[in-house]
Amino acid sequence: IANFLGLTGLERHESFLATMEDILNHL
């Protein structure tokens, strides 16, 4: 999702929940 939307400033996470939280915080 992050690459699709071109989001920046994200970290790579092993956890699904952490990934989704990071995506929402960088929308």
PDB file of all heavy atoms in Angstrom:
ATOM      1  N   ILE A   1       0.830  -1.210   0.000  1.00  0.00           N
ATOM      2  CA  ILE A   1       0.000   0.000   0.000  1.00  0.00           C
ATOM      3  C   ILE A   1       0.863   1.259   0.000  1.00  0.00           C
ATOM      4  O   ILE A   1       0.573   2.237  -0.703  1.00  0.00           O
ATOM      5  CB  ILE A   1      -0.957  -0.003   1.215  1.00  0.00           C
ATOM      6  CG1 ILE A   1      -1.970  -1.144   1.076  1.00  0.00           C
ATOM      7  CG2 ILE A   1      -1.675   1.336   1.346  1.00  0.00           C
ATOM      8  CD1 ILE A   1      -2.885  -1.304   2.265  1.00  0.00           C
ATOM      9  N   ALA A   2       1.941   1.229   0.784  1.00  0.00           N
ATOM     10  CA  ALA A   2       2.813   2.406   0.877  1.00  0.00           C
ATOM     11  C   ALA A   2       3.434   2.744  -0.478  1.00  0.00           C
ATOM     12  O   ALA A   2       3.459   3.923  -0.890  1.00  0.00           O
ATOM     13  CB  ALA A   2       3.902   2.159   1.911  1.00  0.00           C
ATOM     14  N   ASN A   3       3.939   1.738  -1.203  1.00  0.00           N
ATOM     15  CA  ASN A   3       4.511   1.999  -2.530  1.00  0.00           C
ATOM     16  C   ASN A   3       3.440   2.430  -3.524  1.00  0.00           C
ATOM     17  O   ASN A   3       3.696   3.259  -4.396  1.00  0.00           O
ATOM     18  CB  ASN A   3       5.219   0.743  -3.042  1.00  0.00           C
ATOM     19  CG  ASN A   3       6.548   0.501  -2.341  1.00  0.00           C
ATOM     20  OD1 ASN A   3       7.160   1.427  -1.826  1.00  0.00           O
ATOM     21  ND2 ASN A   3       6.973  -0.747  -2.298  1.00  0.00           N
ATOM     22  N   PHE A   4       2.251   1.843  -3.422  1.00  0.00           N
ATOM     23  CA  PHE A   4       1.160   2.200  -4.328  1.00  0.00           C
ATOM     24  C   PHE A   4       0.799   3.676  -4.185  1.00  0.00           C
ATOM     25  O   PHE A   4       0.582   4.377  -5.188  1.00  0.00           O
ATOM     26  CB  PHE A   4      -0.073   1.333  -4.017  1.00  0.00           C
ATOM     27  CG  PHE A   4      -1.142   1.400  -5.062  1.00  0.00           C
ATOM     28  CD1 PHE A   4      -1.248   0.400  -6.025  1.00  0.00           C
ATOM     29  CD2 PHE A   4      -2.067   2.431  -5.087  1.00  0.00           C
ATOM     30  CE1 PHE A   4      -2.237   0.442  -6.998  1.00  0.00           C
ATOM     31  CE2 PHE A   4      -3.065   2.493  -6.052  1.00  0.00           C
ATOM     32  CZ  PHE A   4      -3.143   1.494  -7.015  1.00  0.00           C
ATOM     33  N   LEU A   5       0.769   4.156  -2.961  1.00  0.00           N
ATOM     34  CA  LEU A   5       0.396   5.553  -2.707  1.00  0.00           C
ATOM     35  C   LEU A   5       1.594   6.498  -2.690  1.00  0.00           C
ATOM     36  O   LEU A   5       1.422   7.719  -2.615  1.00  0.00           O
ATOM     37  CB  LEU A   5      -0.338   5.656  -1.372  1.00  0.00           C
ATOM     38  CG  LEU A   5      -1.640   4.845  -1.258  1.00  0.00           C
ATOM     39  CD1 LEU A   5      -2.220   4.970   0.140  1.00  0.00           C
ATOM     40  CD2 LEU A   5      -2.651   5.306  -2.304  1.00  0.00           C
ATOM     41  N   GLY A   6       2.798   5.916  -2.722  1.00  0.00           N
ATOM     42  CA  GLY A   6       3.990   6.758  -2.708  1.00  0.00           C
ATOM     43  C   GLY A   6       4.258   7.402  -1.363  1.00  0.00           C
ATOM     44  O   GLY A   6       4.830   8.493  -1.290  1.00  0.00           O
ATOM     45  N   LEU A   7       3.865   6.742  -0.274  1.00  0.00           N
ATOM     46  CA  LEU A   7       4.063   7.311   1.058  1.00  0.00           C
ATOM     47  C   LEU A   7       5.546   7.376   1.407  1.00  0.00           C
ATOM     48  O   LEU A   7       6.335   6.533   0.980  1.00  0.00           O
ATOM     49  CB  LEU A   7       3.322   6.464   2.109  1.00  0.00           C
ATOM     50  CG  LEU A   7       1.819   6.239   1.885  1.00  0.00           C
ATOM     51  CD1 LEU A   7       1.241   5.416   3.032  1.00  0.00           C
ATOM     52  CD2 LEU A   7       1.083   7.561   1.740  1.00  0.00           C
ATOM     53  N   THR A   8       5.911   8.356   2.185  1.00  0.00           N
ATOM     54  CA  THR A   8       7.317   8.523   2.576  1.00  0.00           C
ATOM     55  C   THR A   8       7.429   8.549   4.098  1.00  0.00           C
ATOM     56  O   THR A   8       6.471   8.832   4.807  1.00  0.00           O
ATOM     57  CB  THR A   8       7.898   9.826   1.998  1.00  0.00           C
ATOM     58  OG1 THR A   8       7.100  10.939   2.446  1.00  0.00           O
ATOM     59  CG2 THR A   8       7.896   9.784   0.481  1.00  0.00           C
ATOM     60  N   GLY A   9       8.645   8.253   4.577  1.00  0.00           N
ATOM     61  CA  GLY A   9       8.909   8.316   6.007  1.00  0.00           C
ATOM     62  C   GLY A   9       8.499   7.081   6.779  1.00  0.00           C
ATOM     63  O   GLY A   9       8.544   7.077   8.014  1.00  0.00           O
ATOM     64  N   LEU A  10       8.096   5.996   6.092  1.00  0.00           N
ATOM     65  CA  LEU A  10       7.671   4.777   6.775  1.00  0.00           C
ATOM     66  C   LEU A  10       8.867   3.884   7.087  1.00  0.00           C
ATOM     67  O   LEU A  10       9.888   3.922   6.393  1.00  0.00           O
ATOM     68  CB  LEU A  10       6.665   3.988   5.934  1.00  0.00           C
ATOM     69  CG  LEU A  10       5.223   4.494   5.877  1.00  0.00           C
ATOM     70  CD1 LEU A  10       5.102   5.670   4.929  1.00  0.00           C
ATOM     71  CD2 LEU A  10       4.283   3.373   5.444  1.00  0.00           C
ATOM     72  N   GLU A  11       8.717   3.086   8.124  1.00  0.00           N
ATOM     73  CA  GLU A  11       9.683   2.043   8.433  1.00  0.00           C
ATOM     74  C   GLU A  11       9.089   0.692   8.044  1.00  0.00           C
ATOM     75  O   GLU A  11       7.871   0.531   8.007  1.00  0.00           O
ATOM     76  CB  GLU A  11      10.023   2.035   9.931  1.00  0.00           C
ATOM     77  CG  GLU A  11      10.706   3.300  10.407  1.00  0.00           C
ATOM     78  CD  GLU A  11      11.062   3.231  11.884  1.00  0.00           C
ATOM     79  OE1 GLU A  11      10.843   2.143  12.478  1.00  0.00           O
ATOM     80  OE2 GLU A  11      11.549   4.224  12.426  1.00  0.00           O
ATOM     81  N   ARG A  12       9.951  -0.254   7.760  1.00  0.00           N
ATOM     82  CA  ARG A  12       9.463  -1.592   7.430  1.00  0.00           C
ATOM     83  C   ARG A  12       9.222  -2.362   8.713  1.00  0.00           C
ATOM     84  O   ARG A  12      10.063  -2.393   9.607  1.00  0.00           O
ATOM     85  CB  ARG A  12      10.451  -2.330   6.538  1.00  0.00           C
ATOM     86  CG  ARG A  12      10.808  -1.567   5.272  1.00  0.00           C
ATOM     87  CD  ARG A  12      11.418  -2.459   4.233  1.00  0.00           C
ATOM     88  NE  ARG A  12      10.388  -3.272   3.595  1.00  0.00           N
ATOM     89  CZ  ARG A  12      10.565  -3.917   2.443  1.00  0.00           C
ATOM     90  NH1 ARG A  12      11.711  -3.842   1.813  1.00  0.00           N
ATOM     91  NH2 ARG A  12       9.604  -4.627   1.910  1.00  0.00           N
ATOM     92  N   HIS A  13       8.044  -2.988   8.809  1.00  0.00           N
ATOM     93  CA  HIS A  13       7.670  -3.707  10.023  1.00  0.00           C
ATOM     94  C   HIS A  13       7.393  -5.164   9.700  1.00  0.00           C
ATOM     95  O   HIS A  13       6.883  -5.500   8.634  1.00  0.00           O
ATOM     96  CB  HIS A  13       6.420  -3.085  10.649  1.00  0.00           C
ATOM     97  CG  HIS A  13       6.582  -1.650  11.038  1.00  0.00           C
ATOM     98  ND1 HIS A  13       7.212  -1.243  12.192  1.00  0.00           N
ATOM     99  CD2 HIS A  13       6.182  -0.502  10.402  1.00  0.00           C
ATOM    100  CE1 HIS A  13       7.189   0.075  12.261  1.00  0.00           C
ATOM    101  NE2 HIS A  13       6.575   0.547  11.193  1.00  0.00           N
ATOM    102  N   GLU A  14       7.678  -6.013  10.672  1.00  0.00           N
ATOM    103  CA  GLU A  14       7.319  -7.422  10.552  1.00  0.00           C
ATOM    104  C   GLU A  14       5.842  -7.627  10.860  1.00  0.00           C
ATOM    105  O   GLU A  14       5.175  -8.470  10.272  1.00  0.00           O
ATOM    106  CB  GLU A  14       8.163  -8.252  11.527  1.00  0.00           C
ATOM    107  CG  GLU A  14       7.843  -9.726  11.538  1.00  0.00           C
ATOM    108  CD  GLU A  14       8.652 -10.467  12.583  1.00  0.00           C
ATOM    109  OE1 GLU A  14       9.556  -9.867  13.188  1.00  0.00           O
ATOM    110  OE2 GLU A  14       8.359 -11.666  12.801  1.00  0.00           O
ATOM    111  N   SER A  15       5.307  -6.809  11.758  1.00  0.00           N
ATOM    112  CA  SER A  15       3.932  -6.952  12.222  1.00  0.00           C
ATOM    113  C   SER A  15       2.939  -6.291  11.262  1.00  0.00           C
ATOM    114  O   SER A  15       3.153  -5.161  10.804  1.00  0.00           O
ATOM    115  CB  SER A  15       3.782  -6.332  13.613  1.00  0.00           C
ATOM    116  OG  SER A  15       2.430  -6.184  13.972  1.00  0.00           O
ATOM    117  N   PHE A  16       1.839  -6.993  10.983  1.00  0.00           N
ATOM    118  CA  PHE A  16       0.755  -6.448  10.164  1.00  0.00           C
ATOM    119  C   PHE A  16       0.147  -5.216  10.819  1.00  0.00           C
ATOM    120  O   PHE A  16      -0.090  -4.189  10.159  1.00  0.00           O
ATOM    121  CB  PHE A  16      -0.312  -7.526   9.959  1.00  0.00           C
ATOM    122  CG  PHE A  16      -1.625  -7.009   9.435  1.00  0.00           C
ATOM    123  CD1 PHE A  16      -1.793  -6.760   8.081  1.00  0.00           C
ATOM    124  CD2 PHE A  16      -2.693  -6.775  10.299  1.00  0.00           C
ATOM    125  CE1 PHE A  16      -3.006  -6.286   7.596  1.00  0.00           C
ATOM    126  CE2 PHE A  16      -3.897  -6.306   9.824  1.00  0.00           C
ATOM    127  CZ  PHE A  16      -4.058  -6.059   8.469  1.00  0.00           C
ATOM    128  N   LEU A  17      -0.117  -5.282  12.120  1.00  0.00           N
ATOM    129  CA  LEU A  17      -0.737  -4.164  12.820  1.00  0.00           C
ATOM    130  C   LEU A  17       0.172  -2.933  12.825  1.00  0.00           C
ATOM    131  O   LEU A  17      -0.290  -1.803  12.637  1.00  0.00           O
ATOM    132  CB  LEU A  17      -1.091  -4.571  14.252  1.00  0.00           C
ATOM    133  CG  LEU A  17      -2.154  -5.671  14.381  1.00  0.00           C
ATOM    134  CD1 LEU A  17      -2.368  -6.044  15.853  1.00  0.00           C
ATOM    135  CD2 LEU A  17      -3.465  -5.237  13.747  1.00  0.00           C
ATOM    136  N   ALA A  18       1.469  -3.154  13.024  1.00  0.00           N
ATOM    137  CA  ALA A  18       2.418  -2.031  13.009  1.00  0.00           C
ATOM    138  C   ALA A  18       2.497  -1.412  11.626  1.00  0.00           C
ATOM    139  O   ALA A  18       2.592  -0.171  11.482  1.00  0.00           O
ATOM    140  CB  ALA A  18       3.795  -2.512  13.462  1.00  0.00           C
ATOM    141  N   THR A  19       2.459  -2.254  10.592  1.00  0.00           N
ATOM    142  CA  THR A  19       2.483  -1.742   9.213  1.00  0.00           C
ATOM    143  C   THR A  19       1.264  -0.880   8.929  1.00  0.00           C
ATOM    144  O   THR A  19       1.373   0.217   8.367  1.00  0.00           O
ATOM    145  CB  THR A  19       2.537  -2.912   8.217  1.00  0.00           C
ATOM    146  OG1 THR A  19       3.735  -3.662   8.429  1.00  0.00           O
ATOM    147  CG2 THR A  19       2.515  -2.409   6.782  1.00  0.00           C
ATOM    148  N   MET A  20       0.075  -1.376   9.309  1.00  0.00           N
ATOM    149  CA  MET A  20      -1.149  -0.620   9.060  1.00  0.00           C
ATOM    150  C   MET A  20      -1.171   0.686   9.851  1.00  0.00           C
ATOM    151  O   MET A  20      -1.621   1.733   9.349  1.00  0.00           O
ATOM    152  CB  MET A  20      -2.373  -1.474   9.418  1.00  0.00           C
ATOM    153  CG  MET A  20      -2.563  -2.698   8.522  1.00  0.00           C
ATOM    154  SD  MET A  20      -2.616  -2.284   6.765  1.00  0.00           S
ATOM    155  CE  MET A  20      -4.050  -1.199   6.704  1.00  0.00           C
ATOM    156  N   GLU A  21      -0.677   0.656  11.083  1.00  0.00           N
ATOM    157  CA  GLU A  21      -0.622   1.881  11.890  1.00  0.00           C
ATOM    158  C   GLU A  21       0.300   2.908  11.256  1.00  0.00           C
ATOM    159  O   GLU A  21      -0.025   4.110  11.192  1.00  0.00           O
ATOM    160  CB  GLU A  21      -0.146   1.541  13.303  1.00  0.00           C
ATOM    161  CG  GLU A  21      -0.100   2.741  14.229  1.00  0.00           C
ATOM    162  CD  GLU A  21       0.410   2.400  15.619  1.00  0.00           C
ATOM    163  OE1 GLU A  21       0.789   1.223  15.828  1.00  0.00           O
ATOM    164  OE2 GLU A  21       0.428   3.291  16.486  1.00  0.00           O
ATOM    165  N   ASP A  22       1.447   2.441  10.766  1.00  0.00           N
ATOM    166  CA  ASP A  22       2.404   3.344  10.128  1.00  0.00           C
ATOM    167  C   ASP A  22       1.815   3.950   8.851  1.00  0.00           C
ATOM    168  O   ASP A  22       2.018   5.132   8.558  1.00  0.00           O
ATOM    169  CB  ASP A  22       3.696   2.589   9.809  1.00  0.00           C
ATOM    170  CG  ASP A  22       4.920   3.485   9.892  1.00  0.00           C
ATOM    171  OD1 ASP A  22       4.787   4.631  10.345  1.00  0.00           O
ATOM    172  OD2 ASP A  22       6.012   3.035   9.495  1.00  0.00           O
ATOM    173  N   ILE A  23       1.084   3.146   8.085  1.00  0.00           N
ATOM    174  CA  ILE A  23       0.451   3.648   6.855  1.00  0.00           C
ATOM    175  C   ILE A  23      -0.568   4.730   7.191  1.00  0.00           C
ATOM    176  O   ILE A  23      -0.608   5.796   6.548  1.00  0.00           O
ATOM    177  CB  ILE A  23      -0.220   2.495   6.089  1.00  0.00           C
ATOM    178  CG1 ILE A  23       0.840   1.576   5.474  1.00  0.00           C
ATOM    179  CG2 ILE A  23      -1.143   3.035   4.987  1.00  0.00           C
ATOM    180  CD1 ILE A  23       0.281   0.317   4.842  1.00  0.00           C
ATOM    181  N   LEU A  24      -1.400   4.497   8.196  1.00  0.00           N
ATOM    182  CA  LEU A  24      -2.423   5.480   8.583  1.00  0.00           C
ATOM    183  C   LEU A  24      -1.779   6.776   9.075  1.00  0.00           C
ATOM    184  O   LEU A  24      -2.295   7.876   8.807  1.00  0.00           O
ATOM    185  CB  LEU A  24      -3.324   4.883   9.662  1.00  0.00           C
ATOM    186  CG  LEU A  24      -4.218   3.719   9.223  1.00  0.00           C
ATOM    187  CD1 LEU A  24      -4.968   3.138  10.417  1.00  0.00           C
ATOM    188  CD2 LEU A  24      -5.202   4.181   8.155  1.00  0.00           C
ATOM    189  N   ASN A  25      -0.660   6.644   9.786  1.00  0.00           N
ATOM    190  CA  ASN A  25       0.013   7.836  10.310  1.00  0.00           C
ATOM    191  C   ASN A  25       0.701   8.653   9.233  1.00  0.00           C
ATOM    192  O   ASN A  25       1.045   9.826   9.461  1.00  0.00           O
ATOM    193  CB  ASN A  25       1.036   7.433  11.373  1.00  0.00           C
ATOM    194  CG  ASN A  25       0.380   6.906  12.638  1.00  0.00           C
ATOM    195  OD1 ASN A  25      -0.765   7.232  12.932  1.00  0.00           O
ATOM    196  ND2 ASN A  25       1.107   6.080  13.387  1.00  0.00           N
ATOM    197  N   HIS A  26       0.926   8.068   8.042  1.00  0.00           N
ATOM    198  CA  HIS A  26       1.647   8.766   6.972  1.00  0.00           C
ATOM    199  C   HIS A  26       0.791   8.982   5.726  1.00  0.00           C
ATOM    200  O   HIS A  26       1.328   9.236   4.639  1.00  0.00           O
ATOM    201  CB  HIS A  26       2.918   7.995   6.593  1.00  0.00           C
ATOM    202  CG  HIS A  26       3.983   8.013   7.644  1.00  0.00           C
ATOM    203  ND1 HIS A  26       3.969   7.147   8.717  1.00  0.00           N
ATOM    204  CD2 HIS A  26       5.088   8.806   7.798  1.00  0.00           C
ATOM    205  CE1 HIS A  26       5.021   7.379   9.481  1.00  0.00           C
ATOM    206  NE2 HIS A  26       5.715   8.381   8.948  1.00  0.00           N
ATOM    207  N   LEU A  27      -0.519   8.909   5.897  1.00  0.00           N
ATOM    208  CA  LEU A  27      -1.389   9.137   4.738  1.00  0.00           C
ATOM    209  C   LEU A  27      -1.273  10.560   4.189  1.00  0.00           C
ATOM    210  O   LEU A  27      -1.585  10.810   3.022  1.00  0.00           O
ATOM    211  CB  LEU A  27      -2.852   8.853   5.115  1.00  0.00           C
ATOM    212  CG  LEU A  27      -3.256   7.372   5.188  1.00  0.00           C
ATOM    213  CD1 LEU A  27      -4.701   7.235   5.644  1.00  0.00           C
ATOM    214  CD2 LEU A  27      -3.056   6.693   3.832  1.00  0.00           C
TER     215      LEU A  27
END
